Amino acid sequence: MNTFADHPHRRFNPLTGEWVLVSPHRAKRPWQGQVEKLPPVAGVAHDPKCNLCTGNLRMNGERNPDYKHTFVFDNDFAALTPDAPSDYRDDDGLMIAEGESGLCRVLCFSPRHDQTLSRMSVEEITYVVDAWIEQFVDLGSKPDIGSVLIFENRGEVMGCSQPHPHGQIWSSRHMPNETAKETDRQLAYFKEKGRAMLLDYVGKELKLGERVIHQNDHFVVLVPYWAIWPFETMVLPKRRIGGFDEFTDGERGSLADALSNIAIRYDNLFETSFPYSMGFHQKPTDGEAHEEWMFHAHFYPPLLRSATVKKFMVGFEMLGSPQRDLTPETAAQRLRDLPTVHYLDR
């Protein structure tokens, strides 16, 4: 790939079957476009007006308990409901619709209003990992749930409507588009090679090292070879794990360490509370073994040049293919060179 380092080229994503255009020279172009506001600095540990803080009333009139670590509840404004009809309509293959049932929950990461994953200890994040595991097992065991998607939107730039540290869990009857694409691609690879695609991929990345940011006994944090967003990363296990239900005790703490490490590096990059969408892709919950599937997390942060200049997915990206302005190797080097002590603590 050194041949392409400073020149436009495209890279293939084996997980989705799609290409991304890499244009390293574009990062040098002048910018007179939109500049975002700096995110507000979290101040108070408890906000009496926050719907997620301990002891406060939510919009539905229920009062939050005095929780000490994590708190999970059914989303008061759920995108999916368990009583959705199962009707199916098909008008000559042109207008197709069907009912989609499911359950949506909210998971508060901490009782402290002013926390983020980057400001929490590894021990505190381990409580969050434990809650994710419990929710995946609970929701995934329901006969009408075929997919459980756990994610976090962090920051106003990512459309987060509530600054209290929290994530969401959407479980649905059918697999969402991205999970379905990854299922099909991993299954095809497994049928051809007899091995899990992402396990082979992790092995190659560990040998090369150029896109690896952090690793511990059980997990690797890296910028994927086919990354779209400027500082996109993945968190991958070193063994084949299909989903949260297959975690060992040691892997729970190791995942917490990996999440802490990359969250701190993100904040340190532009010395700001770094926005992102993060989520876990894992095996369907249909009761099958899914040997082709390998659990992983995606981090999709929008910032490109600074705390106030983000990457826009418009024009060619919307009508043609995704395009990035710096190579994944450059992004990995910049993240790897950052200290792992949060800038507010230095």
Foldseek 3Di string as FASTA:
>chain_A
DVVCQQHWDWDADLLQRAIAIEHQVVLPDDDPDFWADFFDQDDFQADQVAQPAAQHAHPVGDGHHNDAAKDKDWDPDDPAAQPWAQDWDQDPNPDTDGTKHWTKMKMQGGNGQRDELLRDDLVSVLVVLVVVLVVCVVRLVDQQWWDKKKKAWADVVSVDPGSGYMIMIITINDDDDSLVSSLVSLVVCCVVPVAAPVLVVVVVCVVVVLFWQDADPFKTKGQDQRHQAQQKIKIFTNDADQDSNPDDPVVSSRVSVVSNQLQLLQCQLQVGNFTWMKIKRGHTSNPDPSRRHGIMMITHTFCDDHSTHGDDCDDCVVVPNRYDHHGSSVSSVSSNPTDSDHPVVD
